[in-house]
Amino acid sequence: GKLRPDPDSDPAVVAKRAQAEKVRIFSQNLRYINMKEIQADKESRIQAGTYGKGPRKEPTKHDKAREYAATVPKPKLRPALTPAGKAPGPLGSEAGDSAGDSREGASRTGERLEEGDAEAEALAELEHRHEANRAQASAIRAQLGL
């Protein structure tokens, strides 16, 4: 290989190195001064009794919402109805032992039967109309020869 030029002989390179050294020394001195300032501030806050206690923050929307939610009462659960229409007993049994429970369940199932009868009648009426419309359509097809 070839010998490279001596970097110490080039005045531009020497000036760059000198500038970099000045910046490095300046940053070290600045870091030292800043550390002293921080330490002095920390000591004064310790003496004043405010060290570790930041400024009081305003509550955020989330904090306000949680605070409000803590004051709102929880909803009360209703007992779930079983398929027989009765509320389950204390042990979750579906058989109502008391007379009041059986009468209440009977009236509910009676209401369901009445609703079911009304629905069945409406369905029968619709089926009857459908059959009548089909008969009319087949009569029209027969007249037209289709």
N, C-alpha and C. Protein backbone atom coordinates (compact mmCIF):
# COMPACT_ATOMS: atom_id res chain seq x y z
N GLY A 1 0.77 -1.17 0.00
CA GLY A 1 0.00 0.00 0.00
C GLY A 1 0.83 1.27 0.00
N LYS A 2 0.14 2.30 -0.11
CA LYS A 2 0.77 3.62 -0.15
C LYS A 2 0.71 4.24 1.23
N LEU A 3 1.61 5.14 1.46
CA LEU A 3 1.59 5.90 2.71
C LEU A 3 0.55 7.00 2.61
N ARG A 4 -0.20 7.15 3.68
CA ARG A 4 -1.22 8.19 3.69
C ARG A 4 -0.60 9.49 4.17
N PRO A 5 -1.26 10.62 3.85
CA PRO A 5 -0.71 11.90 4.30
C PRO A 5 -0.83 12.02 5.83
N ASP A 6 0.07 12.72 6.44
CA ASP A 6 0.10 12.92 7.87
C ASP A 6 -1.02 13.88 8.25
N PRO A 7 -2.02 13.45 9.06
CA PRO A 7 -3.15 14.32 9.39
C PRO A 7 -2.73 15.50 10.26
N ASP A 8 -1.63 15.37 11.00
CA ASP A 8 -1.20 16.47 11.85
C ASP A 8 -0.62 17.64 11.04
N SER A 9 -0.27 17.39 9.81
CA SER A 9 0.32 18.46 9.01
C SER A 9 -0.75 19.32 8.33
N ASP A 10 -1.99 18.80 8.22
CA ASP A 10 -3.07 19.55 7.57
C ASP A 10 -3.71 20.50 8.59
N PRO A 11 -3.67 21.83 8.36
CA PRO A 11 -4.19 22.79 9.34
C PRO A 11 -5.71 22.69 9.53
N ALA A 12 -6.48 22.25 8.52
CA ALA A 12 -7.94 22.13 8.64
C ALA A 12 -8.29 21.01 9.62
N VAL A 13 -7.56 19.88 9.52
CA VAL A 13 -7.81 18.74 10.40
C VAL A 13 -7.43 19.11 11.84
N VAL A 14 -6.30 19.82 11.99
CA VAL A 14 -5.86 20.23 13.33
C VAL A 14 -6.89 21.17 13.95
N ALA A 15 -7.46 22.09 13.17
CA ALA A 15 -8.46 23.04 13.68
C ALA A 15 -9.73 22.30 14.10
N LYS A 16 -10.14 21.30 13.31
CA LYS A 16 -11.33 20.51 13.64
C LYS A 16 -11.14 19.77 14.95
N ARG A 17 -9.96 19.17 15.11
CA ARG A 17 -9.69 18.43 16.35
C ARG A 17 -9.68 19.37 17.56
N ALA A 18 -9.11 20.54 17.39
CA ALA A 18 -9.05 21.51 18.48
C ALA A 18 -10.47 21.96 18.86
N GLN A 19 -11.31 22.19 17.84
CA GLN A 19 -12.69 22.60 18.09
C GLN A 19 -13.46 21.50 18.82
N ALA A 20 -13.30 20.25 18.39
CA ALA A 20 -13.97 19.12 19.02
C ALA A 20 -13.53 18.98 20.48
N GLU A 21 -12.25 19.19 20.75
CA GLU A 21 -11.74 19.10 22.11
C GLU A 21 -12.34 20.21 22.98
N LYS A 22 -12.47 21.43 22.42
CA LYS A 22 -13.08 22.52 23.16
C LYS A 22 -14.53 22.21 23.52
N VAL A 23 -15.27 21.65 22.55
CA VAL A 23 -16.68 21.29 22.78
C VAL A 23 -16.78 20.22 23.86
N ARG A 24 -15.89 19.23 23.81
CA ARG A 24 -15.90 18.15 24.80
C ARG A 24 -15.63 18.69 26.20
N ILE A 25 -14.65 19.56 26.34
CA ILE A 25 -14.33 20.14 27.64
C ILE A 25 -15.47 21.02 28.14
N PHE A 26 -16.06 21.81 27.22
CA PHE A 26 -17.18 22.66 27.59
C PHE A 26 -18.36 21.82 28.09
N SER A 27 -18.69 20.72 27.41
CA SER A 27 -19.82 19.89 27.82
C SER A 27 -19.56 19.22 29.17
N GLN A 28 -18.30 18.82 29.42
CA GLN A 28 -17.97 18.26 30.73
C GLN A 28 -18.17 19.30 31.83
N ASN A 29 -17.70 20.53 31.59
CA ASN A 29 -17.87 21.60 32.58
C ASN A 29 -19.35 21.93 32.80
N LEU A 30 -20.11 21.96 31.71
CA LEU A 30 -21.54 22.26 31.81
C LEU A 30 -22.26 21.16 32.60
N ARG A 31 -21.93 19.92 32.34
CA ARG A 31 -22.51 18.80 33.06
C ARG A 31 -22.22 18.92 34.56
N TYR A 32 -20.99 19.29 34.90
CA TYR A 32 -20.59 19.44 36.30
C TYR A 32 -21.38 20.57 36.97
N ILE A 33 -21.53 21.68 36.27
CA ILE A 33 -22.28 22.83 36.81
C ILE A 33 -23.75 22.46 37.01
N ASN A 34 -24.33 21.77 36.03
CA ASN A 34 -25.74 21.36 36.14
C ASN A 34 -25.95 20.40 37.31
N MET A 35 -25.02 19.45 37.50
CA MET A 35 -25.14 18.52 38.61
C MET A 35 -25.09 19.27 39.95
N LYS A 36 -24.23 20.28 40.05
CA LYS A 36 -24.16 21.07 41.28
C LYS A 36 -25.48 21.81 41.52
N GLU A 37 -26.06 22.37 40.44
CA GLU A 37 -27.33 23.09 40.56
C GLU A 37 -28.44 22.14 41.02
N ILE A 38 -28.49 20.96 40.43
CA ILE A 38 -29.52 19.98 40.79
C ILE A 38 -29.37 19.57 42.25
N GLN A 39 -28.13 19.32 42.66
CA GLN A 39 -27.88 18.92 44.04
C GLN A 39 -28.27 20.03 45.01
N ALA A 40 -27.95 21.27 44.69
CA ALA A 40 -28.30 22.39 45.56
C ALA A 40 -29.82 22.55 45.65
N ASP A 41 -30.52 22.38 44.52
CA ASP A 41 -31.98 22.48 44.50
C ASP A 41 -32.60 21.37 45.34
N LYS A 42 -32.04 20.16 45.21
CA LYS A 42 -32.55 19.02 45.96
C LYS A 42 -32.38 19.25 47.46
N GLU A 43 -31.22 19.76 47.85
CA GLU A 43 -30.95 20.01 49.27
C GLU A 43 -31.88 21.08 49.82
N SER A 44 -32.14 22.13 49.03
CA SER A 44 -33.02 23.20 49.51
C SER A 44 -34.46 22.68 49.65
N ARG A 45 -34.90 21.80 48.75
CA ARG A 45 -36.25 21.23 48.84
C ARG A 45 -36.36 20.27 50.02
N ILE A 46 -35.27 19.53 50.31
CA ILE A 46 -35.28 18.64 51.47
C ILE A 46 -35.42 19.46 52.75
N GLN A 47 -34.70 20.57 52.82
CA GLN A 47 -34.78 21.42 54.01
C GLN A 47 -36.15 22.08 54.14
N ALA A 48 -36.75 22.41 53.01
CA ALA A 48 -38.07 23.04 53.04
C ALA A 48 -39.18 22.01 53.27
N GLY A 49 -38.86 20.73 53.13
CA GLY A 49 -39.86 19.68 53.32
C GLY A 49 -40.74 19.43 52.12
N THR A 50 -40.36 19.88 50.96
CA THR A 50 -41.17 19.69 49.76
C THR A 50 -40.56 18.68 48.80
N TYR A 51 -39.46 18.05 49.20
CA TYR A 51 -38.81 17.11 48.28
C TYR A 51 -39.69 15.86 48.14
N GLY A 52 -39.86 15.42 46.92
CA GLY A 52 -40.66 14.23 46.63
C GLY A 52 -42.13 14.53 46.47
N LYS A 53 -42.54 15.73 46.78
CA LYS A 53 -43.94 16.12 46.63
C LYS A 53 -44.04 17.04 45.44
N GLY A 54 -44.60 16.51 44.35
CA GLY A 54 -44.72 17.33 43.15
C GLY A 54 -45.89 18.28 43.28
N PRO A 55 -46.05 19.13 42.31
CA PRO A 55 -47.19 20.05 42.34
C PRO A 55 -48.50 19.26 42.25
N ARG A 56 -49.55 19.76 42.89
CA ARG A 56 -50.84 19.07 42.90
C ARG A 56 -51.41 19.09 41.49
N LYS A 57 -51.74 17.90 40.99
CA LYS A 57 -52.27 17.80 39.63
C LYS A 57 -53.78 17.91 39.65
N GLU A 58 -54.33 18.44 38.57
CA GLU A 58 -55.78 18.45 38.39
C GLU A 58 -56.21 17.01 38.08
N PRO A 59 -57.36 16.57 38.59
CA PRO A 59 -57.80 15.20 38.27
C PRO A 59 -58.16 15.09 36.78
N THR A 60 -57.80 13.98 36.20
CA THR A 60 -58.09 13.75 34.78
C THR A 60 -59.55 13.34 34.62
N LYS A 61 -60.00 13.26 33.40
CA LYS A 61 -61.38 12.84 33.13
C LYS A 61 -61.61 11.43 33.65
N HIS A 62 -60.60 10.59 33.49
CA HIS A 62 -60.71 9.21 33.97
C HIS A 62 -60.86 9.19 35.49
N ASP A 63 -60.06 9.99 36.19
CA ASP A 63 -60.15 10.05 37.65
C ASP A 63 -61.52 10.55 38.09
N LYS A 64 -62.03 11.59 37.40
CA LYS A 64 -63.34 12.12 37.74
C LYS A 64 -64.43 11.07 37.52
N ALA A 65 -64.32 10.33 36.43
CA ALA A 65 -65.32 9.30 36.12
C ALA A 65 -65.29 8.19 37.17
N ARG A 66 -64.11 7.78 37.59
CA ARG A 66 -64.00 6.73 38.62
C ARG A 66 -64.57 7.23 39.95
N GLU A 67 -64.32 8.48 40.28
CA GLU A 67 -64.83 9.05 41.52
C GLU A 67 -66.36 9.09 41.48
N TYR A 68 -66.92 9.48 40.35
CA TYR A 68 -68.37 9.51 40.21
C TYR A 68 -68.95 8.10 40.27
N ALA A 69 -68.31 7.17 39.60
CA ALA A 69 -68.80 5.80 39.56
C ALA A 69 -68.83 5.18 40.95
N ALA A 70 -67.94 5.61 41.82
CA ALA A 70 -67.92 5.07 43.18
C ALA A 70 -69.15 5.52 43.95
N THR A 71 -69.77 6.65 43.57
CA THR A 71 -70.94 7.15 44.29
C THR A 71 -72.25 6.60 43.73
N VAL A 72 -72.24 6.05 42.52
CA VAL A 72 -73.46 5.54 41.91
C VAL A 72 -73.76 4.16 42.48
N PRO A 73 -75.00 3.92 42.96
CA PRO A 73 -75.30 2.60 43.51
C PRO A 73 -75.36 1.55 42.41
N LYS A 74 -74.95 0.34 42.77
CA LYS A 74 -74.98 -0.75 41.80
C LYS A 74 -76.42 -1.20 41.59
N PRO A 75 -76.79 -1.64 40.39
CA PRO A 75 -78.16 -2.09 40.16
C PRO A 75 -78.43 -3.39 40.91
N LYS A 76 -79.68 -3.54 41.34
CA LYS A 76 -80.06 -4.76 42.05
C LYS A 76 -80.44 -5.82 41.03
N LEU A 77 -79.98 -7.04 41.26
CA LEU A 77 -80.27 -8.13 40.34
C LEU A 77 -81.66 -8.67 40.60
N ARG A 78 -82.39 -8.94 39.55
CA ARG A 78 -83.70 -9.57 39.67
C ARG A 78 -83.51 -11.07 39.57
N PRO A 79 -84.32 -11.85 40.25
CA PRO A 79 -84.17 -13.30 40.12
C PRO A 79 -84.58 -13.74 38.71
N ALA A 80 -83.79 -14.59 38.13
CA ALA A 80 -84.06 -15.06 36.77
C ALA A 80 -85.21 -16.05 36.80
N LEU A 81 -86.08 -15.99 35.80
CA LEU A 81 -87.20 -16.92 35.71
C LEU A 81 -86.75 -18.21 35.07
N THR A 82 -87.29 -19.32 35.56
CA THR A 82 -87.00 -20.62 34.97
C THR A 82 -87.96 -20.85 33.83
N PRO A 83 -87.75 -21.86 33.01
CA PRO A 83 -88.67 -22.11 31.90
C PRO A 83 -90.11 -22.35 32.35
N ALA A 84 -90.32 -22.81 33.60
CA ALA A 84 -91.67 -23.04 34.10
C ALA A 84 -92.34 -21.74 34.50
N GLY A 85 -91.60 -20.63 34.51
CA GLY A 85 -92.17 -19.34 34.84
C GLY A 85 -92.06 -18.99 36.30
N LYS A 86 -91.32 -19.75 37.06
CA LYS A 86 -91.17 -19.50 38.49
C LYS A 86 -89.76 -19.04 38.78
N ALA A 87 -89.63 -18.25 39.82
CA ALA A 87 -88.30 -17.86 40.27
C ALA A 87 -87.68 -19.05 40.98
N PRO A 88 -86.40 -19.32 40.81
CA PRO A 88 -85.80 -20.46 41.47
C PRO A 88 -85.81 -20.28 42.98
N GLY A 89 -85.89 -21.40 43.66
CA GLY A 89 -85.93 -21.39 45.12
C GLY A 89 -84.59 -20.99 45.69
N PRO A 90 -84.45 -21.01 47.03
CA PRO A 90 -83.21 -20.56 47.65
C PRO A 90 -82.01 -21.41 47.28
N LEU A 91 -82.23 -22.69 46.96
CA LEU A 91 -81.11 -23.56 46.59
C LEU A 91 -81.05 -23.76 45.09
N GLY A 92 -81.81 -22.97 44.35
CA GLY A 92 -81.79 -23.08 42.90
C GLY A 92 -82.73 -24.14 42.39
N SER A 93 -83.59 -24.72 43.29
CA SER A 93 -84.52 -25.75 42.84
C SER A 93 -85.63 -25.09 42.05
N GLU A 94 -86.15 -25.79 41.08
CA GLU A 94 -87.20 -25.23 40.24
C GLU A 94 -88.58 -25.56 40.76
N ALA A 95 -88.70 -26.48 41.71
CA ALA A 95 -90.00 -26.84 42.25
C ALA A 95 -90.37 -25.87 43.35
N GLY A 96 -91.50 -25.16 43.19
CA GLY A 96 -91.96 -24.23 44.20
C GLY A 96 -92.74 -24.98 45.25
N ASP A 97 -92.32 -24.96 46.50
CA ASP A 97 -92.98 -25.72 47.55
C ASP A 97 -94.14 -24.96 48.15
N SER A 98 -94.08 -23.63 48.18
CA SER A 98 -95.15 -22.87 48.83
C SER A 98 -96.33 -22.71 47.89
N ALA A 99 -97.51 -22.54 48.47
CA ALA A 99 -98.72 -22.43 47.67
C ALA A 99 -98.72 -21.14 46.86
N GLY A 100 -98.16 -20.08 47.40
CA GLY A 100 -98.11 -18.81 46.67
C GLY A 100 -97.30 -18.93 45.40
N ASP A 101 -96.18 -19.65 45.47
CA ASP A 101 -95.35 -19.83 44.28
C ASP A 101 -96.08 -20.61 43.21
N SER A 102 -96.80 -21.67 43.62
CA SER A 102 -97.45 -22.51 42.61
C SER A 102 -98.60 -21.76 41.96
N ARG A 103 -99.34 -20.95 42.73
CA ARG A 103 -100.43 -20.18 42.14
C ARG A 103 -99.88 -19.14 41.16
N GLU A 104 -98.78 -18.50 41.56
CA GLU A 104 -98.17 -17.48 40.70
C GLU A 104 -97.69 -18.11 39.40
N GLY A 105 -97.07 -19.28 39.49
CA GLY A 105 -96.58 -19.98 38.30
C GLY A 105 -97.71 -20.42 37.42
N ALA A 106 -98.81 -20.86 38.02
CA ALA A 106 -99.95 -21.33 37.24
C ALA A 106 -100.56 -20.16 36.47
N SER A 107 -100.65 -18.99 37.10
CA SER A 107 -101.24 -17.86 36.39
C SER A 107 -100.34 -17.43 35.24
N ARG A 108 -99.04 -17.50 35.45
CA ARG A 108 -98.12 -17.14 34.36
C ARG A 108 -98.22 -18.12 33.21
N THR A 109 -98.28 -19.41 33.51
CA THR A 109 -98.37 -20.38 32.42
C THR A 109 -99.72 -20.26 31.74
N GLY A 110 -100.79 -19.90 32.51
CA GLY A 110 -102.11 -19.68 31.90
C GLY A 110 -102.04 -18.52 30.92
N GLU A 111 -101.33 -17.45 31.30
CA GLU A 111 -101.18 -16.32 30.39
C GLU A 111 -100.43 -16.74 29.14
N ARG A 112 -99.43 -17.58 29.32
CA ARG A 112 -98.67 -18.05 28.15
C ARG A 112 -99.56 -18.90 27.24
N LEU A 113 -100.41 -19.74 27.85
CA LEU A 113 -101.31 -20.56 27.02
C LEU A 113 -102.27 -19.68 26.26
N GLU A 114 -102.80 -18.64 26.93
CA GLU A 114 -103.72 -17.75 26.23
C GLU A 114 -103.01 -17.03 25.09
N GLU A 115 -101.78 -16.58 25.33
CA GLU A 115 -101.01 -15.94 24.27
C GLU A 115 -100.73 -16.94 23.16
N GLY A 116 -100.43 -18.18 23.53
CA GLY A 116 -100.16 -19.23 22.54
C GLY A 116 -101.40 -19.55 21.74
N ASP A 117 -102.59 -19.58 22.41
CA ASP A 117 -103.83 -19.84 21.70
C ASP A 117 -104.12 -18.73 20.69
N ALA A 118 -103.89 -17.48 21.09
CA ALA A 118 -104.12 -16.36 20.19
C ALA A 118 -103.18 -16.45 18.99
N GLU A 119 -101.94 -16.81 19.25
CA GLU A 119 -100.98 -16.96 18.14
C GLU A 119 -101.37 -18.11 17.23
N ALA A 120 -101.86 -19.22 17.82
CA ALA A 120 -102.26 -20.38 17.02
C ALA A 120 -103.47 -20.03 16.16
N GLU A 121 -104.41 -19.27 16.73
CA GLU A 121 -105.59 -18.86 15.94
C GLU A 121 -105.18 -17.97 14.78
N ALA A 122 -104.27 -17.03 15.05
CA ALA A 122 -103.82 -16.13 13.99
C ALA A 122 -103.10 -16.92 12.90
N LEU A 123 -102.33 -17.92 13.30
CA LEU A 123 -101.62 -18.74 12.32
C LEU A 123 -102.59 -19.57 11.50
N ALA A 124 -103.62 -20.11 12.14
CA ALA A 124 -104.62 -20.90 11.42
C ALA A 124 -105.36 -20.02 10.41
N GLU A 125 -105.66 -18.78 10.81
CA GLU A 125 -106.34 -17.85 9.90
C GLU A 125 -105.46 -17.56 8.68
N LEU A 126 -104.16 -17.34 8.91
CA LEU A 126 -103.25 -17.08 7.79
C LEU A 126 -103.15 -18.29 6.86
N GLU A 127 -103.09 -19.49 7.44
CA GLU A 127 -103.04 -20.70 6.61
C GLU A 127 -104.31 -20.83 5.77
N HIS A 128 -105.46 -20.53 6.38
CA HIS A 128 -106.73 -20.62 5.66
C HIS A 128 -106.74 -19.64 4.48
N ARG A 129 -106.31 -18.39 4.72
CA ARG A 129 -106.23 -17.40 3.63
C ARG A 129 -105.30 -17.87 2.53
N HIS A 130 -104.18 -18.46 2.93
CA HIS A 130 -103.20 -18.94 1.95
C HIS A 130 -103.81 -20.01 1.06
N GLU A 131 -104.53 -20.95 1.68
CA GLU A 131 -105.16 -22.01 0.89
C GLU A 131 -106.21 -21.43 -0.05
N ALA A 132 -106.97 -20.43 0.40
CA ALA A 132 -107.98 -19.81 -0.45
C ALA A 132 -107.31 -19.10 -1.63
N ASN A 133 -106.23 -18.39 -1.37
CA ASN A 133 -105.51 -17.71 -2.45
C ASN A 133 -104.94 -18.71 -3.45
N ARG A 134 -104.43 -19.85 -2.96
CA ARG A 134 -103.91 -20.89 -3.88
C ARG A 134 -105.03 -21.45 -4.74
N ALA A 135 -106.19 -21.64 -4.15
CA ALA A 135 -107.34 -22.17 -4.92
C ALA A 135 -107.74 -21.17 -6.01
N GLN A 136 -107.79 -19.88 -5.67
CA GLN A 136 -108.12 -18.86 -6.67
C GLN A 136 -107.09 -18.84 -7.79
N ALA A 137 -105.81 -18.95 -7.42
CA ALA A 137 -104.76 -18.93 -8.43
C ALA A 137 -104.87 -20.14 -9.34
N SER A 138 -105.18 -21.32 -8.81
CA SER A 138 -105.29 -22.51 -9.67
C SER A 138 -106.53 -22.40 -10.57
N ALA A 139 -107.61 -21.77 -10.08
CA ALA A 139 -108.80 -21.57 -10.92
C ALA A 139 -108.49 -20.63 -12.08
N ILE A 140 -107.73 -19.57 -11.82
CA ILE A 140 -107.36 -18.62 -12.87
C ILE A 140 -106.46 -19.32 -13.89
N ARG A 141 -105.54 -20.14 -13.43
CA ARG A 141 -104.66 -20.88 -14.35
C ARG A 141 -105.48 -21.82 -15.23
N ALA A 142 -106.49 -22.47 -14.63
CA ALA A 142 -107.32 -23.39 -15.40
C ALA A 142 -108.11 -22.63 -16.47
N GLN A 143 -108.62 -21.44 -16.18
CA GLN A 143 -109.36 -20.64 -17.16
C GLN A 143 -108.45 -20.21 -18.30
N LEU A 144 -107.20 -19.87 -17.95
CA LEU A 144 -106.29 -19.40 -18.97
C LEU A 144 -105.61 -20.56 -19.71
N GLY A 145 -105.76 -21.74 -19.22
CA GLY A 145 -105.16 -22.90 -19.86
C GLY A 145 -103.67 -23.03 -19.58
N LEU A 146 -103.23 -22.55 -18.48
CA LEU A 146 -101.81 -22.64 -18.13
C LEU A 146 -101.53 -23.85 -17.35
